Amino acid sequence: MTATVETAIWLALRSRIATLPFSPALPVAYPASTYRPDGKPYLAVGRVSIAPQRVFIGRGAHDRRG
């Protein structure tokens, strides 16, 4: 079974977070996992999205963001 593109992206991001210089020093709170902060600094990983918006560049050309 092959992983979807979204799964491959998530696995790449997660492995990159694990290799960051502050990663061993800061606990990481991943989405859909239980994490109870104890008043110390931690890294929260989440998803940020915006509503799609059509931005016109020129006559008939447009850029879709979101």
PDB file of N, CA and C in Angstrom:
ATOM      1  N   MET A   1       0.839  -1.179   0.000  1.00  0.00           N
ATOM      2  CA  MET A   1       0.000   0.000   0.000  1.00  0.00           C
ATOM      3  C   MET A   1       0.884   1.243   0.000  1.00  0.00           C
ATOM      4  N   THR A   2       0.651   2.138  -0.934  1.00  0.00           N
ATOM      5  CA  THR A   2       1.458   3.351  -1.017  1.00  0.00           C
ATOM      6  C   THR A   2       0.806   4.463  -0.210  1.00  0.00           C
ATOM      7  N   ALA A   3       1.637   5.335   0.311  1.00  0.00           N
ATOM      8  CA  ALA A   3       1.139   6.462   1.094  1.00  0.00           C
ATOM      9  C   ALA A   3       0.615   7.547   0.159  1.00  0.00           C
ATOM     10  N   THR A   4      -0.379   8.287   0.635  1.00  0.00           N
ATOM     11  CA  THR A   4      -0.889   9.401  -0.150  1.00  0.00           C
ATOM     12  C   THR A   4       0.116  10.545  -0.101  1.00  0.00           C
ATOM     13  N   VAL A   5      -0.082  11.519  -0.943  1.00  0.00           N
ATOM     14  CA  VAL A   5       0.801  12.679  -0.964  1.00  0.00           C
ATOM     15  C   VAL A   5       0.768  13.387   0.389  1.00  0.00           C
ATOM     16  N   GLU A   6      -0.421  13.519   0.963  1.00  0.00           N
ATOM     17  CA  GLU A   6      -0.558  14.181   2.253  1.00  0.00           C
ATOM     18  C   GLU A   6       0.216  13.443   3.341  1.00  0.00           C
ATOM     19  N   THR A   7       0.142  12.114   3.320  1.00  0.00           N
ATOM     20  CA  THR A   7       0.869  11.317   4.310  1.00  0.00           C
ATOM     21  C   THR A   7       2.371  11.467   4.130  1.00  0.00           C
ATOM     22  N   ALA A   8       2.817  11.463   2.892  1.00  0.00           N
ATOM     23  CA  ALA A   8       4.253  11.626   2.620  1.00  0.00           C
ATOM     24  C   ALA A   8       4.738  12.992   3.096  1.00  0.00           C
ATOM     25  N   ILE A   9       3.940  14.030   2.871  1.00  0.00           N
ATOM     26  CA  ILE A   9       4.310  15.376   3.342  1.00  0.00           C
ATOM     27  C   ILE A   9       4.367  15.407   4.858  1.00  0.00           C
ATOM     28  N   TRP A  10       3.366  14.818   5.515  1.00  0.00           N
ATOM     29  CA  TRP A  10       3.341  14.806   6.979  1.00  0.00           C
ATOM     30  C   TRP A  10       4.548  14.068   7.553  1.00  0.00           C
ATOM     31  N   LEU A  11       4.892  12.928   6.975  1.00  0.00           N
ATOM     32  CA  LEU A  11       6.040  12.169   7.459  1.00  0.00           C
ATOM     33  C   LEU A  11       7.348  12.935   7.255  1.00  0.00           C
ATOM     34  N   ALA A  12       7.455  13.648   6.147  1.00  0.00           N
ATOM     35  CA  ALA A  12       8.648  14.461   5.902  1.00  0.00           C
ATOM     36  C   ALA A  12       8.744  15.605   6.903  1.00  0.00           C
ATOM     37  N   LEU A  13       7.632  16.264   7.174  1.00  0.00           N
ATOM     38  CA  LEU A  13       7.636  17.361   8.148  1.00  0.00           C
ATOM     39  C   LEU A  13       7.952  16.855   9.551  1.00  0.00           C
ATOM     40  N   ARG A  14       7.361  15.739   9.907  1.00  0.00           N
ATOM     41  CA  ARG A  14       7.603  15.185  11.240  1.00  0.00           C
ATOM     42  C   ARG A  14       9.073  14.778  11.428  1.00  0.00           C
ATOM     43  N   SER A  15       9.663  14.181  10.391  1.00  0.00           N
ATOM     44  CA  SER A  15      11.070  13.804  10.510  1.00  0.00           C
ATOM     45  C   SER A  15      11.964  15.037  10.542  1.00  0.00           C
ATOM     46  N   ARG A  16      11.576  16.096   9.842  1.00  0.00           N
ATOM     47  CA  ARG A  16      12.360  17.334   9.886  1.00  0.00           C
ATOM     48  C   ARG A  16      12.269  17.985  11.259  1.00  0.00           C
ATOM     49  N   ILE A  17      11.108  17.996  11.863  1.00  0.00           N
ATOM     50  CA  ILE A  17      10.946  18.567  13.203  1.00  0.00           C
ATOM     51  C   ILE A  17      11.830  17.824  14.194  1.00  0.00           C
ATOM     52  N   ALA A  18      11.952  16.517  14.029  1.00  0.00           N
ATOM     53  CA  ALA A  18      12.769  15.711  14.942  1.00  0.00           C
ATOM     54  C   ALA A  18      14.255  16.035  14.821  1.00  0.00           C
ATOM     55  N   THR A  19      14.673  16.612  13.686  1.00  0.00           N
ATOM     56  CA  THR A  19      16.091  16.915  13.502  1.00  0.00           C
ATOM     57  C   THR A  19      16.448  18.366  13.794  1.00  0.00           C
ATOM     58  N   LEU A  20      15.493  19.186  14.178  1.00  0.00           N
ATOM     59  CA  LEU A  20      15.776  20.590  14.488  1.00  0.00           C
ATOM     60  C   LEU A  20      16.649  20.683  15.736  1.00  0.00           C
ATOM     61  N   PRO A  21      17.494  21.700  15.812  1.00  0.00           N
ATOM     62  CA  PRO A  21      18.433  21.804  16.942  1.00  0.00           C
ATOM     63  C   PRO A  21      17.746  21.889  18.309  1.00  0.00           C
ATOM     64  N   PHE A  22      16.574  22.496  18.374  1.00  0.00           N
ATOM     65  CA  PHE A  22      15.887  22.639  19.661  1.00  0.00           C
ATOM     66  C   PHE A  22      14.983  21.464  19.982  1.00  0.00           C
ATOM     67  N   SER A  23      14.838  20.532  19.045  1.00  0.00           N
ATOM     68  CA  SER A  23      13.899  19.429  19.207  1.00  0.00           C
ATOM     69  C   SER A  23      14.143  18.581  20.462  1.00  0.00           C
ATOM     70  N   PRO A  24      15.356  18.195  20.783  1.00  0.00           N
ATOM     71  CA  PRO A  24      15.512  17.411  22.011  1.00  0.00           C
ATOM     72  C   PRO A  24      15.242  18.238  23.273  1.00  0.00           C
ATOM     73  N   ALA A  25      15.511  19.542  23.200  1.00  0.00           N
ATOM     74  CA  ALA A  25      15.345  20.388  24.379  1.00  0.00           C
ATOM     75  C   ALA A  25      13.878  20.748  24.624  1.00  0.00           C
ATOM     76  N   LEU A  26      13.108  20.936  23.558  1.00  0.00           N
ATOM     77  CA  LEU A  26      11.696  21.303  23.693  1.00  0.00           C
ATOM     78  C   LEU A  26      10.801  20.107  23.401  1.00  0.00           C
ATOM     79  N   PRO A  27       9.845  19.836  24.258  1.00  0.00           N
ATOM     80  CA  PRO A  27       8.870  18.796  23.915  1.00  0.00           C
ATOM     81  C   PRO A  27       7.985  19.283  22.768  1.00  0.00           C
ATOM     82  N   VAL A  28       7.498  18.366  21.965  1.00  0.00           N
ATOM     83  CA  VAL A  28       6.686  18.705  20.803  1.00  0.00           C
ATOM     84  C   VAL A  28       5.279  18.159  21.000  1.00  0.00           C
ATOM     85  N   ALA A  29       4.282  19.036  20.809  1.00  0.00           N
ATOM     86  CA  ALA A  29       2.877  18.639  20.879  1.00  0.00           C
ATOM     87  C   ALA A  29       2.359  18.500  19.452  1.00  0.00           C
ATOM     88  N   TYR A  30       2.139  17.271  19.015  1.00  0.00           N
ATOM     89  CA  TYR A  30       1.658  17.008  17.657  1.00  0.00           C
ATOM     90  C   TYR A  30       0.133  17.011  17.636  1.00  0.00           C
ATOM     91  N   PRO A  31      -0.470  17.300  16.480  1.00  0.00           N
ATOM     92  CA  PRO A  31      -1.927  17.257  16.381  1.00  0.00           C
ATOM     93  C   PRO A  31      -2.450  15.854  16.669  1.00  0.00           C
ATOM     94  N   ALA A  32      -3.619  15.783  17.220  1.00  0.00           N
ATOM     95  CA  ALA A  32      -4.314  14.528  17.525  1.00  0.00           C
ATOM     96  C   ALA A  32      -3.548  13.666  18.525  1.00  0.00           C
ATOM     97  N   SER A  33      -2.673  14.278  19.310  1.00  0.00           N
ATOM     98  CA  SER A  33      -1.995  13.532  20.371  1.00  0.00           C
ATOM     99  C   SER A  33      -2.242  14.250  21.696  1.00  0.00           C
ATOM    100  N   THR A  34      -2.252  13.516  22.751  1.00  0.00           N
ATOM    101  CA  THR A  34      -2.487  14.100  24.064  1.00  0.00           C
ATOM    102  C   THR A  34      -1.181  14.667  24.602  1.00  0.00           C
ATOM    103  N   TYR A  35      -1.211  15.941  24.918  1.00  0.00           N
ATOM    104  CA  TYR A  35      -0.034  16.595  25.493  1.00  0.00           C
ATOM    105  C   TYR A  35      -0.501  17.516  26.602  1.00  0.00           C
ATOM    106  N   ARG A  36       0.099  17.389  27.745  1.00  0.00           N
ATOM    107  CA  ARG A  36      -0.255  18.235  28.881  1.00  0.00           C
ATOM    108  C   ARG A  36       0.966  19.090  29.248  1.00  0.00           C
ATOM    109  N   PRO A  37       0.920  20.378  28.872  1.00  0.00           N
ATOM    110  CA  PRO A  37       2.061  21.242  29.200  1.00  0.00           C
ATOM    111  C   PRO A  37       2.171  21.425  30.711  1.00  0.00           C
ATOM    112  N   ASP A  38       3.383  21.445  31.186  1.00  0.00           N
ATOM    113  CA  ASP A  38       3.600  21.582  32.627  1.00  0.00           C
ATOM    114  C   ASP A  38       4.146  22.961  32.984  1.00  0.00           C
ATOM    115  N   GLY A  39       3.839  23.956  32.166  1.00  0.00           N
ATOM    116  CA  GLY A  39       4.288  25.310  32.421  1.00  0.00           C
ATOM    117  C   GLY A  39       5.625  25.648  31.784  1.00  0.00           C
ATOM    118  N   LYS A  40       6.260  24.675  31.155  1.00  0.00           N
ATOM    119  CA  LYS A  40       7.531  24.897  30.480  1.00  0.00           C
ATOM    120  C   LYS A  40       7.279  25.139  28.989  1.00  0.00           C
ATOM    121  N   PRO A  41       8.242  25.755  28.292  1.00  0.00           N
ATOM    122  CA  PRO A  41       8.065  25.979  26.855  1.00  0.00           C
ATOM    123  C   PRO A  41       7.959  24.662  26.084  1.00  0.00           C
ATOM    124  N   TYR A  42       7.175  24.682  25.026  1.00  0.00           N
ATOM    125  CA  TYR A  42       7.036  23.522  24.150  1.00  0.00           C
ATOM    126  C   TYR A  42       6.701  24.003  22.747  1.00  0.00           C
ATOM    127  N   LEU A  43       6.864  23.148  21.775  1.00  0.00           N
ATOM    128  CA  LEU A  43       6.563  23.448  20.383  1.00  0.00           C
ATOM    129  C   LEU A  43       5.238  22.793  20.019  1.00  0.00           C
ATOM    130  N   ALA A  44       4.283  23.593  19.546  1.00  0.00           N
ATOM    131  CA  ALA A  44       2.982  23.073  19.130  1.00  0.00           C
ATOM    132  C   ALA A  44       2.948  23.009  17.604  1.00  0.00           C
ATOM    133  N   VAL A  45       2.740  21.823  17.066  1.00  0.00           N
ATOM    134  CA  VAL A  45       2.662  21.625  15.623  1.00  0.00           C
ATOM    135  C   VAL A  45       1.196  21.572  15.246  1.00  0.00           C
ATOM    136  N   GLY A  46       0.790  22.366  14.260  1.00  0.00           N
ATOM    137  CA  GLY A  46      -0.606  22.392  13.857  1.00  0.00           C
ATOM    138  C   GLY A  46      -0.751  22.768  12.401  1.00  0.00           C
ATOM    139  N   ARG A  47      -1.970  22.918  11.987  1.00  0.00           N
ATOM    140  CA  ARG A  47      -2.267  23.255  10.597  1.00  0.00           C
ATOM    141  C   ARG A  47      -2.909  24.633  10.556  1.00  0.00           C
ATOM    142  N   VAL A  48      -2.424  25.443   9.657  1.00  0.00           N
ATOM    143  CA  VAL A  48      -2.989  26.770   9.445  1.00  0.00           C
ATOM    144  C   VAL A  48      -3.472  26.823   8.006  1.00  0.00           C
ATOM    145  N   SER A  49      -4.714  27.210   7.824  1.00  0.00           N
ATOM    146  CA  SER A  49      -5.234  27.316   6.466  1.00  0.00           C
ATOM    147  C   SER A  49      -6.084  28.576   6.347  1.00  0.00           C
ATOM    148  N   ILE A  50      -6.194  29.061   5.140  1.00  0.00           N
ATOM    149  CA  ILE A  50      -7.017  30.236   4.868  1.00  0.00           C
ATOM    150  C   ILE A  50      -8.009  29.880   3.781  1.00  0.00           C
ATOM    151  N   ALA A  51      -9.045  30.672   3.690  1.00  0.00           N
ATOM    152  CA  ALA A  51     -10.047  30.437   2.652  1.00  0.00           C
ATOM    153  C   ALA A  51      -9.448  30.749   1.283  1.00  0.00           C
ATOM    154  N   PRO A  52      -9.766  29.958   0.258  1.00  0.00           N
ATOM    155  CA  PRO A  52      -9.256  30.243  -1.074  1.00  0.00           C
ATOM    156  C   PRO A  52      -9.716  31.614  -1.548  1.00  0.00           C
ATOM    157  N   GLN A  53      -8.855  32.270  -2.293  1.00  0.00           N
ATOM    158  CA  GLN A  53      -9.166  33.612  -2.766  1.00  0.00           C
ATOM    159  C   GLN A  53      -8.652  33.748  -4.189  1.00  0.00           C
ATOM    160  N   ARG A  54      -9.487  34.260  -5.077  1.00  0.00           N
ATOM    161  CA  ARG A  54      -9.067  34.469  -6.457  1.00  0.00           C
ATOM    162  C   ARG A  54      -8.455  35.850  -6.573  1.00  0.00           C
ATOM    163  N   VAL A  55      -7.228  35.903  -7.028  1.00  0.00           N
ATOM    164  CA  VAL A  55      -6.524  37.159  -7.205  1.00  0.00           C
ATOM    165  C   VAL A  55      -6.211  37.299  -8.694  1.00  0.00           C
ATOM    166  N   PHE A  56      -6.757  38.328  -9.320  1.00  0.00           N
ATOM    167  CA  PHE A  56      -6.538  38.521 -10.744  1.00  0.00           C
ATOM    168  C   PHE A  56      -5.215  39.229 -10.982  1.00  0.00           C
ATOM    169  N   ILE A  57      -4.424  38.677 -11.889  1.00  0.00           N
ATOM    170  CA  ILE A  57      -3.118  39.235 -12.213  1.00  0.00           C
ATOM    171  C   ILE A  57      -3.202  40.119 -13.454  1.00  0.00           C
ATOM    172  N   GLY A  58      -3.888  39.670 -14.438  1.00  0.00           N
ATOM    173  CA  GLY A  58      -4.009  40.421 -15.692  1.00  0.00           C
ATOM    174  C   GLY A  58      -5.305  40.046 -16.373  1.00  0.00           C
ATOM    175  N   ARG A  59      -5.398  40.329 -17.644  1.00  0.00           N
ATOM    176  CA  ARG A  59      -6.620  40.014 -18.374  1.00  0.00           C
ATOM    177  C   ARG A  59      -6.812  38.504 -18.462  1.00  0.00           C
ATOM    178  N   GLY A  60      -7.752  37.993 -17.734  1.00  0.00           N
ATOM    179  CA  GLY A  60      -8.088  36.580 -17.786  1.00  0.00           C
ATOM    180  C   GLY A  60      -7.189  35.667 -16.966  1.00  0.00           C
ATOM    181  N   ALA A  61      -6.045  36.175 -16.519  1.00  0.00           N
ATOM    182  CA  ALA A  61      -5.139  35.342 -15.712  1.00  0.00           C
ATOM    183  C   ALA A  61      -5.426  35.576 -14.241  1.00  0.00           C
ATOM    184  N   HIS A  62      -5.345  34.532 -13.475  1.00  0.00           N
ATOM    185  CA  HIS A  62      -5.567  34.686 -12.041  1.00  0.00           C
ATOM    186  C   HIS A  62      -4.706  33.712 -11.272  1.00  0.00           C
ATOM    187  N   ASP A  63      -4.558  33.999 -10.002  1.00  0.00           N
ATOM    188  CA  ASP A  63      -3.761  33.184  -9.093  1.00  0.00           C
ATOM    189  C   ASP A  63      -4.684  32.748  -7.970  1.00  0.00           C
ATOM    190  N   ARG A  64      -4.720  31.456  -7.686  1.00  0.00           N
ATOM    191  CA  ARG A  64      -5.572  30.955  -6.600  1.00  0.00           C
ATOM    192  C   ARG A  64      -4.707  30.613  -5.402  1.00  0.00           C
ATOM    193  N   ARG A  65      -5.001  31.223  -4.289  1.00  0.00           N
ATOM    194  CA  ARG A  65      -4.246  30.989  -3.069  1.00  0.00           C
ATOM    195  C   ARG A  65      -5.160  30.350  -2.034  1.00  0.00           C
ATOM    196  N   GLY A  66      -4.573  29.560  -1.152  1.00  0.00           N
ATOM    197  CA  GLY A  66      -5.368  29.007  -0.069  1.00  0.00           C
ATOM    198  C   GLY A  66      -5.097  27.557   0.130  1.00  0.00           C
TER     199      GLY A  66
END
